[in-house]
Amino acid sequence: MPTNSQSIVGILSELEHQGLSVTSHNAYNGTWFIKGEGIFLGYIATSDELIELKDENRLDLSGIKSLG
């Protein structure tokens, strides 16, 4: 079974493969900034939230928007 860090690397790669830009928002608490459509639109998600979306087969921009 993969560790959380291995899982999140795969998840971030999958998001980038979908054309989304993903950067670290806060390394201390494991949050990520995912750039959405438009110049000033973006979303912040935790590693745990991204793993949960992956498990639910909702790892895309609409799933990330639903976290808010």
C-alpha atoms as a PDB file:
ATOM      1  CA  MET A   1       0.000   0.000   0.000  1.00  0.00           C
ATOM      2  CA  PRO A   2       1.486   3.380  -0.975  1.00  0.00           C
ATOM      3  CA  THR A   3       2.347   5.925   1.651  1.00  0.00           C
ATOM      4  CA  ASN A   4       0.585   9.287   1.785  1.00  0.00           C
ATOM      5  CA  SER A   5       3.566  11.069   0.215  1.00  0.00           C
ATOM      6  CA  GLN A   6       3.638   8.594  -2.686  1.00  0.00           C
ATOM      7  CA  SER A   7      -0.130   8.938  -3.113  1.00  0.00           C
ATOM      8  CA  ILE A   8      -0.040  12.726  -3.163  1.00  0.00           C
ATOM      9  CA  VAL A   9       2.744  12.785  -5.763  1.00  0.00           C
ATOM     10  CA  GLY A  10       0.595  10.625  -8.039  1.00  0.00           C
ATOM     11  CA  ILE A  11      -2.450  12.793  -7.385  1.00  0.00           C
ATOM     12  CA  LEU A  12      -0.551  15.996  -8.159  1.00  0.00           C
ATOM     13  CA  SER A  13       0.753  14.442 -11.372  1.00  0.00           C
ATOM     14  CA  GLU A  14      -2.779  13.461 -12.349  1.00  0.00           C
ATOM     15  CA  LEU A  15      -4.053  17.011 -11.756  1.00  0.00           C
ATOM     16  CA  GLU A  16      -1.205  18.445 -13.825  1.00  0.00           C
ATOM     17  CA  HIS A  17      -1.966  15.915 -16.569  1.00  0.00           C
ATOM     18  CA  GLN A  18      -5.506  17.376 -16.599  1.00  0.00           C
ATOM     19  CA  GLY A  19      -3.942  20.768 -17.359  1.00  0.00           C
ATOM     20  CA  LEU A  20      -4.234  22.234 -13.858  1.00  0.00           C
ATOM     21  CA  SER A  21      -1.367  24.117 -12.257  1.00  0.00           C
ATOM     22  CA  VAL A  22      -0.607  22.863  -8.738  1.00  0.00           C
ATOM     23  CA  THR A  23       1.802  24.511  -6.310  1.00  0.00           C
ATOM     24  CA  SER A  24       2.506  24.131  -2.618  1.00  0.00           C
ATOM     25  CA  HIS A  25       0.467  26.624  -0.607  1.00  0.00           C
ATOM     26  CA  ASN A  26       1.788  25.727   2.830  1.00  0.00           C
ATOM     27  CA  ALA A  27       4.256  22.867   3.226  1.00  0.00           C
ATOM     28  CA  TYR A  28       3.826  22.880   7.008  1.00  0.00           C
ATOM     29  CA  ASN A  29       0.162  21.882   6.935  1.00  0.00           C
ATOM     30  CA  GLY A  30       0.156  20.110   3.562  1.00  0.00           C
ATOM     31  CA  THR A  31      -2.066  22.426   1.547  1.00  0.00           C
ATOM     32  CA  TRP A  32      -1.953  22.908  -2.216  1.00  0.00           C
ATOM     33  CA  PHE A  33      -3.009  25.775  -4.478  1.00  0.00           C
ATOM     34  CA  ILE A  34      -4.775  24.544  -7.605  1.00  0.00           C
ATOM     35  CA  LYS A  35      -5.179  27.169 -10.287  1.00  0.00           C
ATOM     36  CA  GLY A  36      -8.615  27.211 -11.852  1.00  0.00           C
ATOM     37  CA  GLU A  37      -9.961  28.973 -14.895  1.00  0.00           C
ATOM     38  CA  GLY A  38      -9.294  32.677 -15.157  1.00  0.00           C
ATOM     39  CA  ILE A  39      -6.484  34.868 -14.001  1.00  0.00           C
ATOM     40  CA  PHE A  40      -7.413  35.183 -10.332  1.00  0.00           C
ATOM     41  CA  LEU A  41      -9.290  31.930  -9.727  1.00  0.00           C
ATOM     42  CA  GLY A  42      -7.732  29.197  -7.633  1.00  0.00           C
ATOM     43  CA  TYR A  43      -8.551  26.713  -4.922  1.00  0.00           C
ATOM     44  CA  ILE A  44      -6.766  25.506  -1.823  1.00  0.00           C
ATOM     45  CA  ALA A  45      -7.043  21.869  -0.809  1.00  0.00           C
ATOM     46  CA  THR A  46      -5.296  19.725   1.765  1.00  0.00           C
ATOM     47  CA  SER A  47      -3.479  16.536   0.872  1.00  0.00           C
ATOM     48  CA  ASP A  48      -6.171  14.572   2.749  1.00  0.00           C
ATOM     49  CA  GLU A  49      -8.931  16.235   0.706  1.00  0.00           C
ATOM     50  CA  LEU A  50      -7.155  15.397  -2.540  1.00  0.00           C
ATOM     51  CA  ILE A  51      -6.702  11.776  -1.457  1.00  0.00           C
ATOM     52  CA  GLU A  52     -10.399  11.613  -0.564  1.00  0.00           C
ATOM     53  CA  LEU A  53     -11.379  13.005  -3.980  1.00  0.00           C
ATOM     54  CA  LYS A  54      -9.144  10.403  -5.647  1.00  0.00           C
ATOM     55  CA  ASP A  55     -10.788   7.624  -3.636  1.00  0.00           C
ATOM     56  CA  GLU A  56     -14.235   8.919  -4.660  1.00  0.00           C
ATOM     57  CA  ASN A  57     -13.206   9.112  -8.335  1.00  0.00           C
ATOM     58  CA  ARG A  58     -13.825  12.879  -8.326  1.00  0.00           C
ATOM     59  CA  LEU A  59     -10.275  14.123  -8.792  1.00  0.00           C
ATOM     60  CA  ASP A  60     -10.920  16.967 -11.228  1.00  0.00           C
ATOM     61  CA  LEU A  61     -11.648  20.689 -11.123  1.00  0.00           C
ATOM     62  CA  SER A  62     -15.352  20.194 -10.360  1.00  0.00           C
ATOM     63  CA  GLY A  63     -14.485  17.920  -7.419  1.00  0.00           C
ATOM     64  CA  ILE A  64     -11.992  20.479  -6.130  1.00  0.00           C
ATOM     65  CA  LYS A  65     -14.592  23.255  -6.467  1.00  0.00           C
ATOM     66  CA  SER A  66     -16.996  21.209  -4.336  1.00  0.00           C
ATOM     67  CA  LEU A  67     -14.593  21.316  -1.400  1.00  0.00           C
ATOM     68  CA  GLY A  68     -15.202  25.019  -0.800  1.00  0.00           C
END
